Amino acid sequence: MQSYGTDRSREIAGKVILQSRIPKGWTPRTPKSLTQAEYPGTAVFWDDEYFEVVSADVMPNGVRYTLEPWRDDHTIRVFEHYNEETEARRVEDWERAQRQRRYSVLARLSGIILGQFPAPVQNRLANELGTFPMRMTLVSCIPSIVLLGVCIWLKADAMLRQTASPVPTMLWILAVLLIGESGVRFHVAMLQNRGMGTFFGTIAYVVFWLLSGRRASLPSPFTEPGDSATFMIPPTDDVALQDAITVRGPFMTLLSADEQRQLEKKYGFNYREHSAFSLTWSLLVVFLIGVVSSLMREAFFSFITALILAVEQIIRLFALRRGPTGSMLGFLVRPFVRKLL
């Protein structure tokens, strides 16, 4: 069988193994179970023959598709072409998307603001800017955490000085409400792989959308997911899986070494590619700041906790040179990646 582009293929025992560096969106066969019948995979027209996609395995260097000749007892309703023209177009689209994501640093950083908008708006911006709605939602949770942290810091400082707290009651109420909302949004983003806006961000965007003279060119905040007007194109299973691993990757580096090896075996997860060192350095800086601030406030328990976590990060920096290394903070990540383990 002739493969195209950078793909490589080989035939083994009547099956064709096609190794592709980019996902093609082909759906593998759904096997028969006690609750559902067998459902054939994507039909592929290749070199004047029809094949069925039996499996699609995510590998470190791409996706490995296993194809078998199409069985006569299955009906072909829709099929995909695999030839030089379609593969060139697929590679061109993929490379364009990669360039878009690589050079859209400002768009990713602006997720602090964009992640406040309603989900349909985040979906539209995701397609235009090459970002993940889930990632924008996670980044937009940072302001509420910072606000609550500042309130606690000012309150603790006032208690040490034995003076009145400079934080008004209304600001405390706002900070608690925002951190609660961020907790819900973080849970939705991590477990359901979708974006979710904030209350104030939604109100602000709706007002802007209603008053704008270019309403037709702006994404509607009232478009329901799945509606024909929604601009977001639902990804295929293999693309969604890769996106989920990419977004959760830095958090996964906190899991135990055995769990990381399990992820590597199943999905090609590589802790080095997911900024394990950058995350460890960031945590080390945060915990060292906690050590210093605890000493200044004479908070013994906070000092011991921050010191233990800081020492752990120093040990991890050396251990990560030899292989994946977990953290005591892994229990915070494990509930959100349980489906992948």
Protein backbone atom coordinates (compact mmCIF):
# COMPACT_ATOMS: atom_id res chain seq x y z
CA MET A 1 0.00 0.00 0.00
CA GLN A 2 1.29 3.45 -0.90
CA SER A 3 1.29 5.99 1.93
CA TYR A 4 1.32 9.75 1.41
CA GLY A 5 3.06 12.72 2.94
CA THR A 6 5.04 11.80 6.04
CA ASP A 7 2.87 8.73 6.74
CA ARG A 8 4.38 5.27 6.87
CA SER A 9 2.50 2.02 6.30
CA ARG A 10 3.10 -1.71 6.44
CA GLU A 11 0.98 -4.82 6.00
CA ILE A 12 0.85 -7.47 8.71
CA ALA A 13 -1.38 -10.58 8.56
CA GLY A 14 -3.98 -8.96 6.32
CA LYS A 15 -4.02 -5.71 8.28
CA VAL A 16 -2.52 -2.36 7.30
CA ILE A 17 -0.69 -0.38 9.97
CA LEU A 18 -0.61 3.33 9.12
CA GLN A 19 1.64 5.57 11.22
CA SER A 20 0.72 9.26 10.98
CA ARG A 21 2.32 12.19 12.77
CA ILE A 22 -0.98 14.10 12.77
CA PRO A 23 -4.49 12.91 13.73
CA LYS A 24 -6.80 12.33 10.77
CA GLY A 25 -10.08 12.32 12.64
CA TRP A 26 -10.83 8.69 11.80
CA THR A 27 -13.01 6.85 14.31
CA PRO A 28 -12.01 3.29 15.33
CA ARG A 29 -14.38 0.34 15.44
CA THR A 30 -16.65 0.08 18.48
CA PRO A 31 -16.58 -3.57 19.59
CA LYS A 32 -19.68 -5.51 20.54
CA SER A 33 -20.58 -5.58 24.21
CA LEU A 34 -23.45 -6.69 26.41
CA THR A 35 -25.17 -3.31 26.02
CA GLN A 36 -24.42 -2.34 22.42
CA ALA A 37 -23.87 -3.87 19.02
CA GLU A 38 -20.66 -3.66 17.06
CA TYR A 39 -20.28 -0.41 15.13
CA PRO A 40 -17.81 -0.21 12.24
CA GLY A 41 -15.03 2.33 12.20
CA THR A 42 -14.46 4.98 9.58
CA ALA A 43 -14.52 3.71 6.00
CA VAL A 44 -11.37 4.77 4.13
CA PHE A 45 -11.06 4.65 0.33
CA TRP A 46 -7.40 3.94 -0.33
CA ASP A 47 -5.84 2.76 -3.60
CA ASP A 48 -9.21 1.72 -5.07
CA GLU A 49 -10.05 -0.36 -1.99
CA TYR A 50 -12.25 0.22 1.03
CA PHE A 51 -10.81 -0.26 4.49
CA GLU A 52 -12.23 -0.05 7.99
CA VAL A 53 -10.38 1.70 10.82
CA VAL A 54 -10.13 -0.95 13.52
CA SER A 55 -8.13 1.01 16.09
CA ALA A 56 -6.48 4.40 16.57
CA ASP A 57 -3.68 4.50 19.15
CA VAL A 58 -2.06 7.73 20.30
CA MET A 59 1.73 7.32 20.15
CA PRO A 60 4.63 9.60 21.19
CA ASN A 61 5.25 10.51 17.54
CA GLY A 62 1.66 10.69 16.30
CA VAL A 63 -1.25 8.30 15.82
CA ARG A 64 -1.11 4.65 14.73
CA TYR A 65 -4.13 3.49 12.74
CA THR A 66 -4.89 -0.18 12.13
CA LEU A 67 -7.05 -0.86 9.06
CA GLU A 68 -8.67 -4.01 7.72
CA PRO A 69 -10.44 -4.65 4.40
CA TRP A 70 -14.07 -3.55 4.61
CA ARG A 71 -16.43 -6.40 5.49
CA ASP A 72 -19.38 -7.11 3.22
CA ASP A 73 -21.83 -7.32 6.12
CA HIS A 74 -21.32 -3.61 6.90
CA THR A 75 -22.93 -0.81 4.92
CA ILE A 76 -20.80 2.12 3.81
CA ARG A 77 -22.71 5.34 4.46
CA VAL A 78 -19.82 7.85 4.50
CA PHE A 79 -16.21 7.27 3.62
CA GLU A 80 -12.95 9.21 3.77
CA HIS A 81 -10.53 9.53 0.87
CA TYR A 82 -6.89 8.81 1.53
CA ASN A 83 -4.75 10.02 -1.35
CA GLU A 84 -2.03 12.52 -2.07
CA GLU A 85 -4.41 15.47 -2.49
CA THR A 86 -6.42 14.97 0.70
CA GLU A 87 -3.31 14.23 2.75
CA ALA A 88 -1.56 17.38 1.50
CA ARG A 89 -4.60 19.43 2.46
CA ARG A 90 -4.76 17.78 5.88
CA VAL A 91 -1.06 18.45 6.52
CA GLU A 92 -1.43 22.07 5.41
CA ASP A 93 -4.37 22.62 7.79
CA TRP A 94 -2.51 20.95 10.65
CA GLU A 95 0.67 23.00 10.12
CA ARG A 96 -1.38 26.20 9.93
CA ALA A 97 -3.01 25.34 13.24
CA GLN A 98 0.39 24.56 14.79
CA ARG A 99 1.80 27.92 13.67
CA GLN A 100 -1.28 29.63 15.01
CA ARG A 101 -0.86 28.06 18.42
CA ARG A 102 2.90 28.57 18.48
CA TYR A 103 2.75 32.29 17.80
CA SER A 104 -0.40 33.13 19.72
CA VAL A 105 1.38 33.65 23.07
CA LEU A 106 -0.48 36.90 23.65
CA ALA A 107 -3.78 35.12 22.99
CA ARG A 108 -2.96 32.44 25.57
CA LEU A 109 -1.91 35.02 28.15
CA SER A 110 -5.08 36.99 27.51
CA GLY A 111 -7.03 33.96 28.71
CA ILE A 112 -7.22 35.70 32.11
CA ILE A 113 -9.73 38.07 30.48
CA LEU A 114 -11.11 35.92 27.65
CA GLY A 115 -11.85 33.05 30.02
CA GLN A 116 -14.37 35.27 31.81
CA PHE A 117 -16.62 35.32 28.73
CA PRO A 118 -19.52 32.87 28.11
CA ALA A 119 -18.70 29.40 26.75
CA PRO A 120 -19.95 30.08 23.15
CA VAL A 121 -17.68 33.12 22.98
CA GLN A 122 -14.72 31.11 24.25
CA ASN A 123 -15.40 28.46 21.61
CA ARG A 124 -15.40 31.06 18.85
CA LEU A 125 -12.20 32.67 20.13
CA ALA A 126 -10.58 29.25 20.46
CA ASN A 127 -11.00 28.58 16.73
CA GLU A 128 -9.79 32.05 15.76
CA LEU A 129 -6.83 32.29 18.16
CA GLY A 130 -5.77 28.66 18.37
CA THR A 131 -6.32 28.27 22.12
CA PHE A 132 -8.30 25.85 24.29
CA PRO A 133 -11.52 27.05 25.99
CA MET A 134 -10.59 24.76 28.87
CA ARG A 135 -7.20 26.47 29.22
CA MET A 136 -8.73 29.96 29.08
CA THR A 137 -11.14 28.97 31.84
CA LEU A 138 -8.34 27.62 34.05
CA VAL A 139 -6.19 30.73 33.57
CA SER A 140 -9.13 33.01 34.31
CA CYS A 141 -9.44 31.43 37.77
CA ILE A 142 -6.19 33.10 38.84
CA PRO A 143 -7.59 36.62 39.65
CA SER A 144 -10.06 35.27 42.23
CA ILE A 145 -7.29 33.26 43.92
CA VAL A 146 -5.04 36.33 44.02
CA LEU A 147 -7.86 38.48 45.42
CA LEU A 148 -8.59 36.04 48.24
CA GLY A 149 -4.86 35.66 48.95
CA VAL A 150 -4.40 39.43 49.23
CA CYS A 151 -7.38 39.67 51.59
CA ILE A 152 -5.97 36.93 53.82
CA TRP A 153 -2.52 38.54 53.75
CA LEU A 154 -3.87 41.95 54.79
CA LYS A 155 -6.03 40.38 57.48
CA ALA A 156 -3.09 38.42 58.93
CA ASP A 157 -0.86 41.48 58.85
CA ALA A 158 -3.49 43.53 60.69
CA MET A 159 -3.83 40.80 63.34
CA LEU A 160 -0.06 40.78 63.93
CA ARG A 161 -0.02 44.57 64.23
CA GLN A 162 -3.14 44.40 66.39
CA THR A 163 -4.93 46.91 64.21
CA ALA A 164 -8.26 46.93 62.41
CA SER A 165 -8.42 44.94 59.20
CA PRO A 166 -8.22 47.17 56.09
CA VAL A 167 -10.37 44.67 54.14
CA PRO A 168 -14.05 45.71 54.16
CA THR A 169 -16.74 43.09 54.74
CA MET A 170 -18.18 43.48 51.24
CA LEU A 171 -14.78 42.69 49.71
CA TRP A 172 -14.58 39.53 51.84
CA ILE A 173 -18.00 38.45 50.60
CA LEU A 174 -17.02 39.18 46.98
CA ALA A 175 -13.72 37.27 47.34
CA VAL A 176 -15.45 34.21 48.84
CA LEU A 177 -18.14 34.20 46.14
CA LEU A 178 -15.56 34.52 43.37
CA ILE A 179 -13.37 31.73 44.75
CA GLY A 180 -16.44 29.49 45.03
CA GLU A 181 -17.36 30.25 41.43
CA SER A 182 -13.78 29.58 40.34
CA GLY A 183 -13.88 26.22 42.12
CA VAL A 184 -16.96 25.21 40.14
CA ARG A 185 -15.44 26.45 36.87
CA PHE A 186 -12.14 24.63 37.58
CA HIS A 187 -14.07 21.42 38.25
CA VAL A 188 -16.08 21.76 35.00
CA ALA A 189 -12.99 22.54 32.92
CA MET A 190 -10.91 19.65 34.29
CA LEU A 191 -13.61 16.96 34.27
CA GLN A 192 -15.76 17.98 31.28
CA ASN A 193 -13.10 19.48 28.96
CA ARG A 194 -15.11 22.62 28.24
CA GLY A 195 -14.95 26.31 28.95
CA MET A 196 -17.21 28.16 31.38
CA GLY A 197 -17.54 31.89 31.86
CA THR A 198 -17.98 33.93 35.03
CA PHE A 199 -21.11 35.75 36.17
CA PHE A 200 -19.57 39.22 35.89
CA GLY A 201 -17.78 38.36 32.64
CA THR A 202 -21.02 37.14 31.09
CA ILE A 203 -22.93 40.27 32.17
CA ALA A 204 -20.17 42.54 30.82
CA TYR A 205 -20.04 40.74 27.46
CA VAL A 206 -23.83 40.71 27.07
CA VAL A 207 -23.97 44.48 27.65
CA PHE A 208 -21.12 45.02 25.18
CA TRP A 209 -22.77 42.72 22.62
CA LEU A 210 -26.14 44.44 22.90
CA LEU A 211 -24.68 47.94 22.59
CA SER A 212 -22.21 47.10 19.83
CA GLY A 213 -22.99 48.24 16.33
CA ARG A 214 -21.16 45.18 14.94
CA ARG A 215 -23.33 42.61 16.70
CA ALA A 216 -23.61 40.42 13.59
CA SER A 217 -19.84 39.91 13.45
CA LEU A 218 -19.51 39.09 17.15
CA PRO A 219 -20.21 35.65 18.66
CA SER A 220 -23.57 35.49 20.41
CA PRO A 221 -23.44 34.84 24.17
CA PHE A 222 -26.83 33.08 23.97
CA THR A 223 -25.87 30.32 21.51
CA GLU A 224 -26.38 26.96 23.15
CA PRO A 225 -23.73 24.22 22.75
CA GLY A 226 -24.65 22.01 19.81
CA ASP A 227 -26.72 24.72 18.12
CA SER A 228 -26.13 25.15 14.40
CA ALA A 229 -24.93 28.68 15.03
CA THR A 230 -22.14 27.54 17.31
CA PHE A 231 -18.80 28.12 15.66
CA MET A 232 -16.92 25.52 17.68
CA ILE A 233 -16.28 22.36 15.68
CA PRO A 234 -16.41 19.31 17.97
CA PRO A 235 -13.06 17.48 17.86
CA THR A 236 -12.72 13.81 17.09
CA ASP A 237 -11.97 11.37 19.90
CA ASP A 238 -8.24 11.15 19.21
CA VAL A 239 -7.88 14.95 18.95
CA ALA A 240 -9.89 15.45 22.15
CA LEU A 241 -7.65 12.93 23.91
CA GLN A 242 -4.48 14.68 22.78
CA ASP A 243 -5.91 18.06 23.84
CA ALA A 244 -6.84 16.68 27.25
CA ILE A 245 -3.31 15.33 27.77
CA THR A 246 -1.76 18.59 26.55
CA VAL A 247 -3.80 20.76 28.92
CA ARG A 248 -3.48 18.44 31.93
CA GLY A 249 0.16 17.56 31.16
CA PRO A 250 1.85 19.95 33.62
CA PHE A 251 -0.46 18.78 36.42
CA MET A 252 0.22 15.13 35.54
CA THR A 253 3.92 15.61 36.32
CA LEU A 254 2.92 15.77 40.01
CA LEU A 255 1.55 12.21 39.94
CA SER A 256 3.63 9.29 41.15
CA ALA A 257 6.37 7.89 38.92
CA ASP A 258 4.39 4.67 38.35
CA GLU A 259 1.32 6.62 37.26
CA GLN A 260 3.39 8.72 34.88
CA ARG A 261 4.90 5.57 33.36
CA GLN A 262 1.38 4.18 32.99
CA LEU A 263 0.36 7.34 31.12
CA GLU A 264 3.48 7.08 28.97
CA LYS A 265 2.65 3.48 28.05
CA LYS A 266 -0.99 4.23 27.20
CA TYR A 267 -0.77 7.70 25.62
CA GLY A 268 2.89 8.45 24.96
CA PHE A 269 3.00 10.96 27.84
CA ASN A 270 6.44 12.49 28.33
CA TYR A 271 6.98 14.53 31.49
CA ARG A 272 9.78 16.57 29.86
CA GLU A 273 7.46 17.78 27.10
CA HIS A 274 4.98 19.09 29.68
CA SER A 275 7.25 21.52 31.50
CA ALA A 276 7.90 19.40 34.57
CA PHE A 277 11.00 21.48 35.34
CA SER A 278 9.18 24.79 34.83
CA LEU A 279 6.34 23.73 37.11
CA THR A 280 8.79 22.50 39.76
CA TRP A 281 10.74 25.77 39.68
CA SER A 282 7.48 27.75 39.94
CA LEU A 283 6.35 25.71 42.94
CA LEU A 284 9.76 26.10 44.56
CA VAL A 285 9.58 29.90 44.25
CA VAL A 286 6.04 29.96 45.69
CA PHE A 287 6.97 27.76 48.67
CA LEU A 288 10.16 29.75 49.38
CA ILE A 289 8.04 32.90 49.50
CA GLY A 290 5.77 31.03 51.92
CA VAL A 291 8.78 30.12 54.09
CA VAL A 292 9.93 33.74 54.30
CA SER A 293 6.46 35.14 54.94
CA SER A 294 5.78 32.52 57.62
CA LEU A 295 8.99 33.46 59.42
CA MET A 296 8.04 37.14 59.29
CA ARG A 297 4.60 36.35 60.74
CA GLU A 298 5.98 33.74 63.19
CA ALA A 299 3.48 31.20 61.84
CA PHE A 300 5.12 27.91 62.85
CA PHE A 301 2.72 25.49 61.13
CA SER A 302 2.78 27.43 57.84
CA PHE A 303 6.58 27.63 58.04
CA ILE A 304 6.99 23.85 58.47
CA THR A 305 4.50 23.08 55.67
CA ALA A 306 6.11 25.50 53.21
CA LEU A 307 9.62 24.31 54.13
CA ILE A 308 8.75 20.62 53.56
CA LEU A 309 7.19 21.37 50.18
CA ALA A 310 10.10 23.59 49.16
CA VAL A 311 12.64 20.89 50.05
CA GLU A 312 10.61 18.37 48.08
CA GLN A 313 10.77 20.57 44.97
CA ILE A 314 14.57 20.87 45.31
CA ILE A 315 14.83 17.07 45.50
CA ARG A 316 12.51 16.73 42.48
CA LEU A 317 14.69 19.08 40.40
CA PHE A 318 17.58 16.64 40.72
CA ALA A 319 15.45 13.51 40.41
CA LEU A 320 13.70 14.74 37.24
CA ARG A 321 17.00 14.54 35.36
CA ARG A 322 16.87 10.75 35.72
CA GLY A 323 13.17 10.14 35.13
CA PRO A 324 9.61 11.02 36.15
CA THR A 325 9.22 11.90 39.81
CA GLY A 326 6.01 12.43 41.74
CA SER A 327 5.08 14.96 44.38
CA MET A 328 3.12 15.02 47.62
CA LEU A 329 0.75 17.36 45.76
CA GLY A 330 -0.26 14.54 43.40
CA PHE A 331 -3.40 13.82 45.41
CA LEU A 332 -4.76 17.20 44.26
CA VAL A 333 -4.41 16.19 40.60
CA ARG A 334 -5.42 12.53 40.74
CA PRO A 335 -9.24 13.05 40.84
CA PHE A 336 -9.09 15.06 37.60
CA VAL A 337 -7.11 12.50 35.60
CA ARG A 338 -8.63 9.29 36.99
CA LYS A 339 -10.30 8.50 33.64
CA LEU A 340 -6.92 8.52 31.91
CA LEU A 341 -5.22 6.21 34.39
